[in-house]
Amino acid sequence: MNLSKFLNPLILASASPRRKALLKKAGFKFIVDPSNYDEEKAPSLPPRQLAKYLSTQKAKEVAFRHPKAIILAADTLVFCCGQVLGKPKNKKEAQQMLRLLSGSTHQVITAFTILFPSQKKQITKSVVTKIVFRKFSDQEINYYIKTKKPFDKAGAYAIQEQGDQFVVKIIGDYDNVVGLPVKEIEPILRKIDASSSANPHLSS
């Protein structure tokens, strides 16, 4: 369905198929318009603040194109042994990240920003999930890298795409690790939706 005819469409400012699937599963109708914000421009910040900063910048960048829409943006990063792990740029970085994560207890941080520019509203929150990994060998790492799954994921693994083979325990929200803490986001979006009968963001 083309929602552009509605006054305040919901825009998902992400190209992530995982975020799209989670939001769709929650029952929302939306348009996908990925942010073009350059994450390399981000200042040096503590992990949770960095994730919040990036989600905010992504939302604002897309809001320029959709000033009357409701924008949802998110950023996920992994924090382990004092290091922030984003998406690996190549095989070597993926190997380094996975070696660091082997046998670790690390944090997956997803921040989300909901912008409603026409009402001058902004909500930004972050959610942390702890993951306990077993130790794994270089052979296992190289096999996983050959699947090509690490290269568009923070921390070089996708828990829903064979990455769960490394997991001993998940402490917190699983969806947050996938890329979108729907349990936190859903009530906010439903409240916004209820405030305007002209905005059909909920699937029937």
N, C-alpha and C. Protein backbone atom coordinates (compact mmCIF):
# COMPACT_ATOMS: atom_id res chain seq x y z
N MET A 1 0.84 -1.21 0.00
CA MET A 1 0.00 0.00 0.00
C MET A 1 0.88 1.25 0.00
N ASN A 2 0.53 2.21 -0.86
CA ASN A 2 1.25 3.48 -0.89
C ASN A 2 0.67 4.40 0.18
N LEU A 3 1.48 4.70 1.20
CA LEU A 3 0.99 5.53 2.30
C LEU A 3 1.25 7.02 2.09
N SER A 4 1.86 7.38 0.95
CA SER A 4 2.22 8.78 0.74
C SER A 4 1.00 9.68 0.68
N LYS A 5 -0.18 9.11 0.43
CA LYS A 5 -1.39 9.93 0.36
C LYS A 5 -1.87 10.36 1.75
N PHE A 6 -1.35 9.71 2.79
CA PHE A 6 -1.76 10.05 4.14
C PHE A 6 -0.93 11.20 4.69
N LEU A 7 -1.51 11.93 5.61
CA LEU A 7 -0.90 13.14 6.13
C LEU A 7 0.42 12.86 6.85
N ASN A 8 0.44 11.86 7.72
CA ASN A 8 1.62 11.58 8.53
C ASN A 8 2.04 10.12 8.42
N PRO A 9 2.62 9.71 7.30
CA PRO A 9 3.04 8.32 7.16
C PRO A 9 4.16 7.98 8.14
N LEU A 10 4.30 6.70 8.43
CA LEU A 10 5.40 6.22 9.26
C LEU A 10 6.55 5.82 8.34
N ILE A 11 7.73 6.39 8.59
CA ILE A 11 8.91 6.11 7.78
C ILE A 11 9.92 5.34 8.60
N LEU A 12 10.35 4.19 8.10
CA LEU A 12 11.46 3.45 8.72
C LEU A 12 12.74 3.90 8.03
N ALA A 13 13.60 4.59 8.78
CA ALA A 13 14.82 5.16 8.20
C ALA A 13 15.97 4.15 8.25
N SER A 14 15.72 2.98 7.69
CA SER A 14 16.71 1.91 7.72
C SER A 14 16.51 0.96 6.56
N ALA A 15 17.63 0.50 5.99
CA ALA A 15 17.55 -0.49 4.92
C ALA A 15 17.59 -1.91 5.45
N SER A 16 17.70 -2.06 6.76
CA SER A 16 17.84 -3.39 7.37
C SER A 16 16.61 -4.25 7.15
N PRO A 17 16.75 -5.38 6.49
CA PRO A 17 15.60 -6.28 6.33
C PRO A 17 15.13 -6.85 7.66
N ARG A 18 16.03 -6.91 8.64
CA ARG A 18 15.67 -7.43 9.95
C ARG A 18 14.76 -6.45 10.68
N ARG A 19 15.09 -5.16 10.62
CA ARG A 19 14.22 -4.16 11.26
C ARG A 19 12.87 -4.09 10.56
N LYS A 20 12.90 -4.18 9.25
CA LYS A 20 11.66 -4.15 8.48
C LYS A 20 10.75 -5.31 8.89
N ALA A 21 11.34 -6.50 9.02
CA ALA A 21 10.56 -7.68 9.38
C ALA A 21 9.98 -7.57 10.80
N LEU A 22 10.77 -7.05 11.73
CA LEU A 22 10.31 -6.91 13.11
C LEU A 22 9.16 -5.91 13.22
N LEU A 23 9.28 -4.79 12.49
CA LEU A 23 8.23 -3.77 12.54
C LEU A 23 6.95 -4.28 11.87
N LYS A 24 7.13 -4.99 10.78
CA LYS A 24 5.97 -5.56 10.09
C LYS A 24 5.28 -6.61 10.96
N LYS A 25 6.07 -7.44 11.64
CA LYS A 25 5.52 -8.47 12.52
C LYS A 25 4.71 -7.85 13.66
N ALA A 26 5.13 -6.65 14.10
CA ALA A 26 4.41 -5.96 15.17
C ALA A 26 3.09 -5.37 14.69
N GLY A 27 2.86 -5.39 13.37
CA GLY A 27 1.57 -4.96 12.85
C GLY A 27 1.51 -3.56 12.30
N PHE A 28 2.67 -2.96 12.00
CA PHE A 28 2.68 -1.59 11.51
C PHE A 28 2.85 -1.53 10.00
N LYS A 29 2.19 -0.53 9.41
CA LYS A 29 2.37 -0.20 8.00
C LYS A 29 3.34 0.96 7.92
N PHE A 30 4.25 0.92 6.97
CA PHE A 30 5.28 1.96 6.92
C PHE A 30 5.94 2.00 5.55
N ILE A 31 6.66 3.06 5.32
CA ILE A 31 7.48 3.25 4.13
C ILE A 31 8.94 3.14 4.54
N VAL A 32 9.75 2.49 3.73
CA VAL A 32 11.18 2.40 4.01
C VAL A 32 11.92 3.48 3.21
N ASP A 33 12.64 4.32 3.92
CA ASP A 33 13.50 5.32 3.28
C ASP A 33 14.79 5.40 4.10
N PRO A 34 15.81 4.65 3.72
CA PRO A 34 17.03 4.57 4.53
C PRO A 34 17.75 5.90 4.66
N SER A 35 18.34 6.10 5.81
CA SER A 35 19.14 7.30 6.05
C SER A 35 20.47 7.21 5.31
N ASN A 36 20.96 8.35 4.85
CA ASN A 36 22.26 8.43 4.20
C ASN A 36 23.31 9.05 5.12
N TYR A 37 23.01 9.14 6.41
CA TYR A 37 23.95 9.76 7.34
C TYR A 37 25.26 8.99 7.37
N ASP A 38 26.37 9.71 7.30
CA ASP A 38 27.71 9.12 7.34
C ASP A 38 28.13 8.89 8.79
N GLU A 39 28.14 7.64 9.22
CA GLU A 39 28.46 7.32 10.61
C GLU A 39 29.91 7.64 10.98
N GLU A 40 30.76 7.80 9.98
CA GLU A 40 32.16 8.16 10.24
C GLU A 40 32.28 9.57 10.83
N LYS A 41 31.24 10.37 10.67
CA LYS A 41 31.26 11.75 11.18
C LYS A 41 30.93 11.82 12.67
N ALA A 42 30.51 10.72 13.25
CA ALA A 42 30.08 10.73 14.65
C ALA A 42 31.25 11.02 15.59
N PRO A 43 31.02 11.81 16.63
CA PRO A 43 32.08 12.10 17.60
C PRO A 43 32.35 10.88 18.49
N SER A 44 33.45 10.93 19.21
CA SER A 44 33.79 9.85 20.14
C SER A 44 32.93 10.00 21.40
N LEU A 45 32.09 9.02 21.65
CA LEU A 45 31.16 9.05 22.79
C LEU A 45 31.12 7.68 23.45
N PRO A 46 30.69 7.62 24.72
CA PRO A 46 30.45 6.32 25.34
C PRO A 46 29.39 5.54 24.54
N PRO A 47 29.41 4.21 24.61
CA PRO A 47 28.58 3.38 23.73
C PRO A 47 27.10 3.75 23.65
N ARG A 48 26.42 3.90 24.79
CA ARG A 48 24.99 4.18 24.74
C ARG A 48 24.71 5.56 24.16
N GLN A 49 25.55 6.53 24.52
CA GLN A 49 25.38 7.88 23.96
C GLN A 49 25.66 7.89 22.46
N LEU A 50 26.64 7.09 22.05
CA LEU A 50 26.96 7.01 20.62
C LEU A 50 25.79 6.43 19.84
N ALA A 51 25.22 5.36 20.33
CA ALA A 51 24.07 4.75 19.65
C ALA A 51 22.90 5.72 19.56
N LYS A 52 22.65 6.45 20.65
CA LYS A 52 21.58 7.46 20.65
C LYS A 52 21.87 8.58 19.65
N TYR A 53 23.12 9.02 19.64
CA TYR A 53 23.51 10.10 18.72
C TYR A 53 23.28 9.65 17.28
N LEU A 54 23.72 8.45 16.95
CA LEU A 54 23.60 7.97 15.58
C LEU A 54 22.14 7.79 15.17
N SER A 55 21.31 7.25 16.05
CA SER A 55 19.90 7.08 15.71
C SER A 55 19.22 8.43 15.50
N THR A 56 19.61 9.41 16.31
CA THR A 56 19.04 10.75 16.17
C THR A 56 19.44 11.39 14.86
N GLN A 57 20.72 11.29 14.51
CA GLN A 57 21.19 11.89 13.26
C GLN A 57 20.54 11.22 12.05
N LYS A 58 20.38 9.92 12.11
CA LYS A 58 19.71 9.21 11.01
C LYS A 58 18.27 9.68 10.85
N ALA A 59 17.58 9.83 11.97
CA ALA A 59 16.18 10.28 11.93
C ALA A 59 16.07 11.69 11.37
N LYS A 60 16.96 12.56 11.82
CA LYS A 60 16.92 13.95 11.35
C LYS A 60 17.23 14.05 9.86
N GLU A 61 18.15 13.23 9.39
CA GLU A 61 18.51 13.27 7.97
C GLU A 61 17.32 12.89 7.10
N VAL A 62 16.57 11.89 7.52
CA VAL A 62 15.40 11.46 6.76
C VAL A 62 14.24 12.44 6.93
N ALA A 63 14.15 13.07 8.09
CA ALA A 63 13.06 14.01 8.36
C ALA A 63 13.09 15.21 7.42
N PHE A 64 14.27 15.58 6.93
CA PHE A 64 14.35 16.67 5.95
C PHE A 64 13.56 16.34 4.70
N ARG A 65 13.51 15.06 4.35
CA ARG A 65 12.79 14.64 3.14
C ARG A 65 11.31 14.40 3.41
N HIS A 66 10.96 14.21 4.68
CA HIS A 66 9.57 13.89 5.04
C HIS A 66 9.15 14.72 6.26
N PRO A 67 9.03 16.03 6.10
CA PRO A 67 8.78 16.90 7.26
C PRO A 67 7.45 16.66 7.97
N LYS A 68 6.51 16.00 7.31
CA LYS A 68 5.20 15.75 7.94
C LYS A 68 5.04 14.30 8.40
N ALA A 69 6.07 13.51 8.22
CA ALA A 69 5.98 12.09 8.56
C ALA A 69 6.41 11.83 10.00
N ILE A 70 6.17 10.62 10.45
CA ILE A 70 6.72 10.13 11.71
C ILE A 70 7.91 9.26 11.34
N ILE A 71 9.07 9.59 11.86
CA ILE A 71 10.31 8.91 11.47
C ILE A 71 10.76 7.97 12.58
N LEU A 72 11.11 6.75 12.21
CA LEU A 72 11.71 5.80 13.15
C LEU A 72 13.09 5.41 12.63
N ALA A 73 14.12 5.71 13.41
CA ALA A 73 15.49 5.34 13.06
C ALA A 73 16.10 4.56 14.21
N ALA A 74 17.10 3.75 13.91
CA ALA A 74 17.75 2.96 14.96
C ALA A 74 19.22 2.76 14.63
N ASP A 75 19.98 2.49 15.68
CA ASP A 75 21.39 2.15 15.50
C ASP A 75 21.76 1.06 16.50
N THR A 76 22.44 0.04 16.01
CA THR A 76 22.86 -1.07 16.87
C THR A 76 24.38 -1.17 16.87
N LEU A 77 24.94 -1.33 18.04
CA LEU A 77 26.38 -1.57 18.15
C LEU A 77 26.64 -2.60 19.24
N VAL A 78 27.82 -3.17 19.18
CA VAL A 78 28.24 -4.17 20.17
C VAL A 78 29.39 -3.59 20.98
N PHE A 79 29.34 -3.79 22.29
CA PHE A 79 30.38 -3.28 23.18
C PHE A 79 31.01 -4.46 23.91
N CYS A 80 32.31 -4.63 23.71
CA CYS A 80 33.01 -5.78 24.30
C CYS A 80 34.43 -5.40 24.68
N CYS A 81 34.82 -5.71 25.89
CA CYS A 81 36.20 -5.49 26.35
C CYS A 81 36.66 -4.06 26.13
N GLY A 82 35.74 -3.10 26.37
CA GLY A 82 36.08 -1.70 26.23
C GLY A 82 36.08 -1.18 24.81
N GLN A 83 35.66 -1.99 23.85
CA GLN A 83 35.66 -1.58 22.45
C GLN A 83 34.24 -1.57 21.88
N VAL A 84 33.97 -0.54 21.08
CA VAL A 84 32.71 -0.47 20.35
C VAL A 84 32.91 -1.15 19.00
N LEU A 85 32.06 -2.11 18.70
CA LEU A 85 32.16 -2.85 17.45
C LEU A 85 30.98 -2.52 16.55
N GLY A 86 31.29 -1.94 15.41
CA GLY A 86 30.26 -1.68 14.41
C GLY A 86 30.24 -2.80 13.39
N LYS A 87 29.98 -2.46 12.14
CA LYS A 87 29.97 -3.46 11.08
C LYS A 87 31.39 -3.62 10.52
N PRO A 88 31.87 -4.85 10.38
CA PRO A 88 33.22 -5.05 9.83
C PRO A 88 33.28 -4.63 8.36
N LYS A 89 34.39 -4.00 7.99
CA LYS A 89 34.54 -3.53 6.61
C LYS A 89 35.13 -4.60 5.70
N ASN A 90 35.76 -5.60 6.30
CA ASN A 90 36.41 -6.64 5.50
C ASN A 90 36.58 -7.91 6.33
N LYS A 91 37.16 -8.93 5.71
CA LYS A 91 37.35 -10.22 6.37
C LYS A 91 38.23 -10.10 7.61
N LYS A 92 39.29 -9.31 7.50
CA LYS A 92 40.22 -9.16 8.63
C LYS A 92 39.52 -8.56 9.84
N GLU A 93 38.72 -7.52 9.62
CA GLU A 93 37.99 -6.90 10.73
C GLU A 93 36.99 -7.87 11.34
N ALA A 94 36.32 -8.65 10.49
CA ALA A 94 35.36 -9.63 10.99
C ALA A 94 36.06 -10.67 11.87
N GLN A 95 37.23 -11.12 11.43
CA GLN A 95 38.01 -12.09 12.23
C GLN A 95 38.39 -11.50 13.58
N GLN A 96 38.86 -10.25 13.56
CA GLN A 96 39.28 -9.60 14.80
C GLN A 96 38.11 -9.46 15.78
N MET A 97 36.95 -9.06 15.24
CA MET A 97 35.78 -8.89 16.10
C MET A 97 35.34 -10.22 16.71
N LEU A 98 35.27 -11.25 15.90
CA LEU A 98 34.80 -12.54 16.38
C LEU A 98 35.78 -13.16 17.37
N ARG A 99 37.06 -12.95 17.16
CA ARG A 99 38.06 -13.43 18.13
C ARG A 99 37.89 -12.72 19.47
N LEU A 100 37.61 -11.42 19.41
CA LEU A 100 37.39 -10.66 20.63
C LEU A 100 36.14 -11.15 21.37
N LEU A 101 35.10 -11.46 20.61
CA LEU A 101 33.83 -11.88 21.20
C LEU A 101 33.86 -13.32 21.73
N SER A 102 34.76 -14.13 21.22
CA SER A 102 34.85 -15.53 21.63
C SER A 102 35.04 -15.66 23.14
N GLY A 103 34.13 -16.37 23.79
CA GLY A 103 34.22 -16.58 25.23
C GLY A 103 33.85 -15.38 26.08
N SER A 104 33.26 -14.37 25.46
CA SER A 104 32.98 -13.10 26.17
C SER A 104 31.55 -13.01 26.65
N THR A 105 31.35 -12.07 27.58
CA THR A 105 30.02 -11.55 27.87
C THR A 105 30.04 -10.12 27.38
N HIS A 106 29.22 -9.82 26.39
CA HIS A 106 29.25 -8.49 25.79
C HIS A 106 27.85 -7.90 25.73
N GLN A 107 27.80 -6.63 25.39
CA GLN A 107 26.53 -5.91 25.32
C GLN A 107 26.16 -5.61 23.87
N VAL A 108 24.90 -5.82 23.55
CA VAL A 108 24.35 -5.33 22.28
C VAL A 108 23.44 -4.16 22.62
N ILE A 109 23.78 -3.01 22.09
CA ILE A 109 23.06 -1.77 22.38
C ILE A 109 22.33 -1.31 21.13
N THR A 110 21.03 -1.17 21.22
CA THR A 110 20.25 -0.58 20.13
C THR A 110 19.57 0.67 20.66
N ALA A 111 19.82 1.77 19.99
CA ALA A 111 19.12 3.02 20.30
C ALA A 111 18.13 3.29 19.18
N PHE A 112 17.00 3.86 19.53
CA PHE A 112 16.03 4.25 18.51
C PHE A 112 15.57 5.67 18.76
N THR A 113 15.24 6.33 17.67
CA THR A 113 14.70 7.69 17.72
C THR A 113 13.40 7.73 16.94
N ILE A 114 12.37 8.29 17.56
CA ILE A 114 11.11 8.53 16.88
C ILE A 114 10.93 10.04 16.79
N LEU A 115 10.86 10.54 15.57
CA LEU A 115 10.71 11.98 15.33
C LEU A 115 9.35 12.25 14.71
N PHE A 116 8.68 13.26 15.23
CA PHE A 116 7.42 13.73 14.65
C PHE A 116 7.60 15.23 14.44
N PRO A 117 8.32 15.63 13.37
CA PRO A 117 8.71 17.04 13.18
C PRO A 117 7.56 18.02 13.21
N SER A 118 6.41 17.65 12.63
CA SER A 118 5.30 18.60 12.56
C SER A 118 4.74 18.94 13.94
N GLN A 119 4.95 18.05 14.91
CA GLN A 119 4.52 18.32 16.28
C GLN A 119 5.71 18.60 17.20
N LYS A 120 6.89 18.71 16.60
CA LYS A 120 8.13 19.02 17.34
C LYS A 120 8.36 18.02 18.48
N LYS A 121 8.12 16.75 18.18
CA LYS A 121 8.32 15.70 19.18
C LYS A 121 9.52 14.84 18.81
N GLN A 122 10.32 14.48 19.81
CA GLN A 122 11.42 13.54 19.61
C GLN A 122 11.54 12.64 20.84
N ILE A 123 11.60 11.35 20.58
CA ILE A 123 11.83 10.37 21.65
C ILE A 123 13.04 9.54 21.27
N THR A 124 14.05 9.51 22.12
CA THR A 124 15.25 8.71 21.88
C THR A 124 15.54 7.86 23.11
N LYS A 125 15.66 6.57 22.90
CA LYS A 125 15.96 5.65 24.00
C LYS A 125 16.98 4.62 23.54
N SER A 126 17.61 3.97 24.52
CA SER A 126 18.51 2.86 24.19
C SER A 126 18.18 1.66 25.06
N VAL A 127 18.40 0.49 24.50
CA VAL A 127 18.13 -0.77 25.19
C VAL A 127 19.39 -1.63 25.11
N VAL A 128 19.73 -2.27 26.22
CA VAL A 128 20.94 -3.09 26.29
C VAL A 128 20.56 -4.55 26.56
N THR A 129 21.12 -5.44 25.76
CA THR A 129 20.98 -6.88 25.98
C THR A 129 22.37 -7.46 26.16
N LYS A 130 22.53 -8.31 27.17
CA LYS A 130 23.82 -8.97 27.39
C LYS A 130 23.81 -10.35 26.72
N ILE A 131 24.92 -10.65 26.07
CA ILE A 131 25.08 -11.93 25.38
C ILE A 131 26.31 -12.64 25.92
N VAL A 132 26.15 -13.90 26.28
CA VAL A 132 27.28 -14.72 26.71
C VAL A 132 27.63 -15.67 25.57
N PHE A 133 28.86 -15.57 25.07
CA PHE A 133 29.35 -16.44 24.00
C PHE A 133 30.23 -17.54 24.57
N ARG A 134 30.15 -18.70 23.97
CA ARG A 134 31.12 -19.75 24.27
C ARG A 134 32.42 -19.44 23.53
N LYS A 135 33.47 -20.14 23.87
CA LYS A 135 34.70 -20.00 23.11
C LYS A 135 34.57 -20.76 21.80
N PHE A 136 35.11 -20.20 20.73
CA PHE A 136 35.08 -20.90 19.45
C PHE A 136 36.42 -20.72 18.74
N SER A 137 36.70 -21.61 17.83
CA SER A 137 38.01 -21.69 17.19
C SER A 137 38.11 -20.79 15.96
N ASP A 138 39.34 -20.58 15.51
CA ASP A 138 39.56 -19.83 14.27
C ASP A 138 38.90 -20.55 13.09
N GLN A 139 38.89 -21.87 13.14
CA GLN A 139 38.24 -22.63 12.08
C GLN A 139 36.75 -22.31 12.01
N GLU A 140 36.11 -22.23 13.17
CA GLU A 140 34.69 -21.87 13.22
C GLU A 140 34.47 -20.45 12.73
N ILE A 141 35.38 -19.54 13.13
CA ILE A 141 35.28 -18.15 12.70
C ILE A 141 35.38 -18.05 11.18
N ASN A 142 36.37 -18.72 10.60
CA ASN A 142 36.57 -18.65 9.15
C ASN A 142 35.40 -19.28 8.40
N TYR A 143 34.84 -20.34 8.94
CA TYR A 143 33.67 -20.96 8.32
C TYR A 143 32.49 -20.00 8.33
N TYR A 144 32.29 -19.32 9.46
CA TYR A 144 31.18 -18.38 9.57
C TYR A 144 31.37 -17.20 8.62
N ILE A 145 32.60 -16.72 8.50
CA ILE A 145 32.89 -15.60 7.60
C ILE A 145 32.59 -15.98 6.15
N LYS A 146 32.83 -17.24 5.80
CA LYS A 146 32.57 -17.70 4.43
C LYS A 146 31.09 -17.62 4.07
N THR A 147 30.23 -17.61 5.07
CA THR A 147 28.79 -17.49 4.80
C THR A 147 28.40 -16.08 4.38
N LYS A 148 29.33 -15.12 4.57
CA LYS A 148 29.11 -13.70 4.23
C LYS A 148 28.14 -13.01 5.19
N LYS A 149 27.68 -13.70 6.21
CA LYS A 149 26.70 -13.12 7.13
C LYS A 149 27.25 -12.03 8.05
N PRO A 150 28.57 -12.01 8.35
CA PRO A 150 29.06 -11.00 9.29
C PRO A 150 29.11 -9.57 8.75
N PHE A 151 29.06 -9.38 7.43
CA PHE A 151 29.51 -8.11 6.88
C PHE A 151 28.52 -6.95 6.94
N ASP A 152 27.28 -7.17 7.28
CA ASP A 152 26.37 -6.03 7.45
C ASP A 152 25.75 -6.04 8.84
N LYS A 153 26.50 -6.63 9.80
CA LYS A 153 25.99 -6.72 11.17
C LYS A 153 27.00 -6.16 12.16
N ALA A 154 26.50 -5.41 13.13
CA ALA A 154 27.35 -4.92 14.21
C ALA A 154 27.95 -6.10 14.97
N GLY A 155 29.25 -6.04 15.22
CA GLY A 155 29.91 -7.12 15.93
C GLY A 155 30.21 -8.33 15.08
N ALA A 156 29.89 -8.26 13.79
CA ALA A 156 30.20 -9.31 12.81
C ALA A 156 29.40 -10.60 13.00
N TYR A 157 28.23 -10.50 13.65
CA TYR A 157 27.40 -11.70 13.73
C TYR A 157 25.93 -11.32 13.76
N ALA A 158 25.12 -12.26 13.28
CA ALA A 158 23.67 -12.10 13.32
C ALA A 158 23.10 -13.25 14.13
N ILE A 159 22.49 -12.93 15.25
CA ILE A 159 22.00 -13.98 16.15
C ILE A 159 20.92 -14.82 15.50
N GLN A 160 20.21 -14.24 14.52
CA GLN A 160 19.13 -14.96 13.86
C GLN A 160 19.61 -15.68 12.61
N GLU A 161 20.88 -15.53 12.24
CA GLU A 161 21.42 -16.16 11.03
C GLU A 161 22.70 -16.92 11.38
N GLN A 162 22.56 -18.02 12.03
CA GLN A 162 23.65 -18.91 12.43
C GLN A 162 24.54 -18.36 13.54
N GLY A 163 24.38 -17.08 13.87
CA GLY A 163 25.16 -16.51 14.96
C GLY A 163 24.78 -17.10 16.31
N ASP A 164 23.59 -17.70 16.38
CA ASP A 164 23.15 -18.28 17.64
C ASP A 164 23.96 -19.51 18.04
N GLN A 165 24.75 -20.05 17.11
CA GLN A 165 25.58 -21.21 17.42
C GLN A 165 26.66 -20.89 18.45
N PHE A 166 26.97 -19.58 18.60
CA PHE A 166 27.99 -19.16 19.55
C PHE A 166 27.41 -18.82 20.93
N VAL A 167 26.09 -18.73 21.01
CA VAL A 167 25.43 -18.17 22.20
C VAL A 167 25.24 -19.21 23.30
N VAL A 168 25.64 -18.84 24.51
CA VAL A 168 25.37 -19.64 25.70
C VAL A 168 24.13 -19.11 26.42
N LYS A 169 24.01 -17.78 26.47
CA LYS A 169 22.91 -17.17 27.22
C LYS A 169 22.60 -15.78 26.69
N ILE A 170 21.32 -15.45 26.68
CA ILE A 170 20.86 -14.10 26.33
C ILE A 170 20.18 -13.51 27.55
N ILE A 171 20.65 -12.35 27.97
CA ILE A 171 20.08 -11.68 29.14
C ILE A 171 19.43 -10.39 28.66
N GLY A 172 18.11 -10.44 28.44
CA GLY A 172 17.41 -9.27 27.94
C GLY A 172 16.61 -9.58 26.69
N ASP A 173 16.35 -8.55 25.91
CA ASP A 173 15.46 -8.61 24.76
C ASP A 173 16.16 -9.17 23.52
N TYR A 174 15.65 -10.28 23.01
CA TYR A 174 16.20 -10.91 21.81
C TYR A 174 16.08 -9.99 20.59
N ASP A 175 14.89 -9.39 20.41
CA ASP A 175 14.67 -8.51 19.25
C ASP A 175 15.65 -7.34 19.23
N ASN A 176 16.07 -6.91 20.39
CA ASN A 176 17.04 -5.83 20.48
C ASN A 176 18.36 -6.23 19.83
N VAL A 177 18.73 -7.49 19.97
CA VAL A 177 19.95 -8.01 19.36
C VAL A 177 19.79 -8.09 17.84
N VAL A 178 18.60 -8.43 17.40
CA VAL A 178 18.32 -8.50 15.97
C VAL A 178 18.37 -7.11 15.34
N GLY A 179 18.02 -6.07 16.13
CA GLY A 179 18.17 -4.71 15.61
C GLY A 179 17.07 -3.72 15.92
N LEU A 180 16.00 -4.17 16.62
CA LEU A 180 14.92 -3.24 16.92
C LEU A 180 14.17 -3.70 18.18
N PRO A 181 14.25 -2.95 19.28
CA PRO A 181 13.56 -3.33 20.51
C PRO A 181 12.07 -3.01 20.41
N VAL A 182 11.35 -3.88 19.74
CA VAL A 182 9.95 -3.64 19.42
C VAL A 182 9.09 -3.44 20.67
N LYS A 183 9.42 -4.13 21.75
CA LYS A 183 8.63 -4.00 22.98
C LYS A 183 8.66 -2.57 23.52
N GLU A 184 9.75 -1.87 23.28
CA GLU A 184 9.86 -0.46 23.71
C GLU A 184 9.20 0.47 22.70
N ILE A 185 9.35 0.15 21.44
CA ILE A 185 8.89 1.04 20.36
C ILE A 185 7.38 0.96 20.14
N GLU A 186 6.84 -0.25 20.21
CA GLU A 186 5.43 -0.47 19.86
C GLU A 186 4.46 0.42 20.64
N PRO A 187 4.54 0.51 21.97
CA PRO A 187 3.57 1.36 22.69
C PRO A 187 3.68 2.83 22.33
N ILE A 188 4.89 3.28 22.01
CA ILE A 188 5.07 4.69 21.62
C ILE A 188 4.38 4.96 20.29
N LEU A 189 4.60 4.08 19.32
CA LEU A 189 3.98 4.26 18.01
C LEU A 189 2.46 4.10 18.08
N ARG A 190 2.00 3.19 18.90
CA ARG A 190 0.54 3.00 19.02
C ARG A 190 -0.12 4.22 19.67
N LYS A 191 0.60 4.84 20.60
CA LYS A 191 0.07 6.04 21.23
C LYS A 191 -0.01 7.18 20.22
N ILE A 192 1.02 7.31 19.40
CA ILE A 192 1.01 8.33 18.35
C ILE A 192 -0.12 8.05 17.37
N ASP A 193 -0.26 6.77 16.98
CA ASP A 193 -1.29 6.38 16.03
C ASP A 193 -2.69 6.69 16.58
N ALA A 194 -2.89 6.43 17.84
CA ALA A 194 -4.20 6.66 18.46
C ALA A 194 -4.56 8.14 18.53
N SER A 195 -3.54 8.98 18.48
CA SER A 195 -3.78 10.42 18.59
C SER A 195 -4.31 11.02 17.31
N SER A 196 -4.26 10.24 16.22
CA SER A 196 -4.74 10.76 14.94
C SER A 196 -5.39 9.65 14.14
N SER A 197 -6.68 9.73 13.92
CA SER A 197 -7.40 8.71 13.16
C SER A 197 -7.04 8.76 11.68
N ALA A 198 -6.32 9.83 11.27
CA ALA A 198 -5.94 9.96 9.86
C ALA A 198 -4.68 9.18 9.53
N ASN A 199 -4.04 8.58 10.54
CA ASN A 199 -2.77 7.90 10.32
C ASN A 199 -2.92 6.39 10.49
N PRO A 200 -3.17 5.67 9.41
CA PRO A 200 -3.43 4.23 9.51
C PRO A 200 -2.14 3.43 9.59
N HIS A 201 -1.39 3.53 10.69
CA HIS A 201 -0.12 2.82 10.81
C HIS A 201 -0.29 1.38 11.27
N LEU A 202 -1.48 1.04 11.75
CA LEU A 202 -1.70 -0.29 12.27
C LEU A 202 -2.39 -1.17 11.24
N SER A 203 -1.86 -2.37 11.06
CA SER A 203 -2.51 -3.32 10.17
C SER A 203 -3.79 -3.82 10.81
N SER A 204 -4.78 -4.05 10.00
CA SER A 204 -6.05 -4.56 10.52
C SER A 204 -5.97 -6.06 10.74
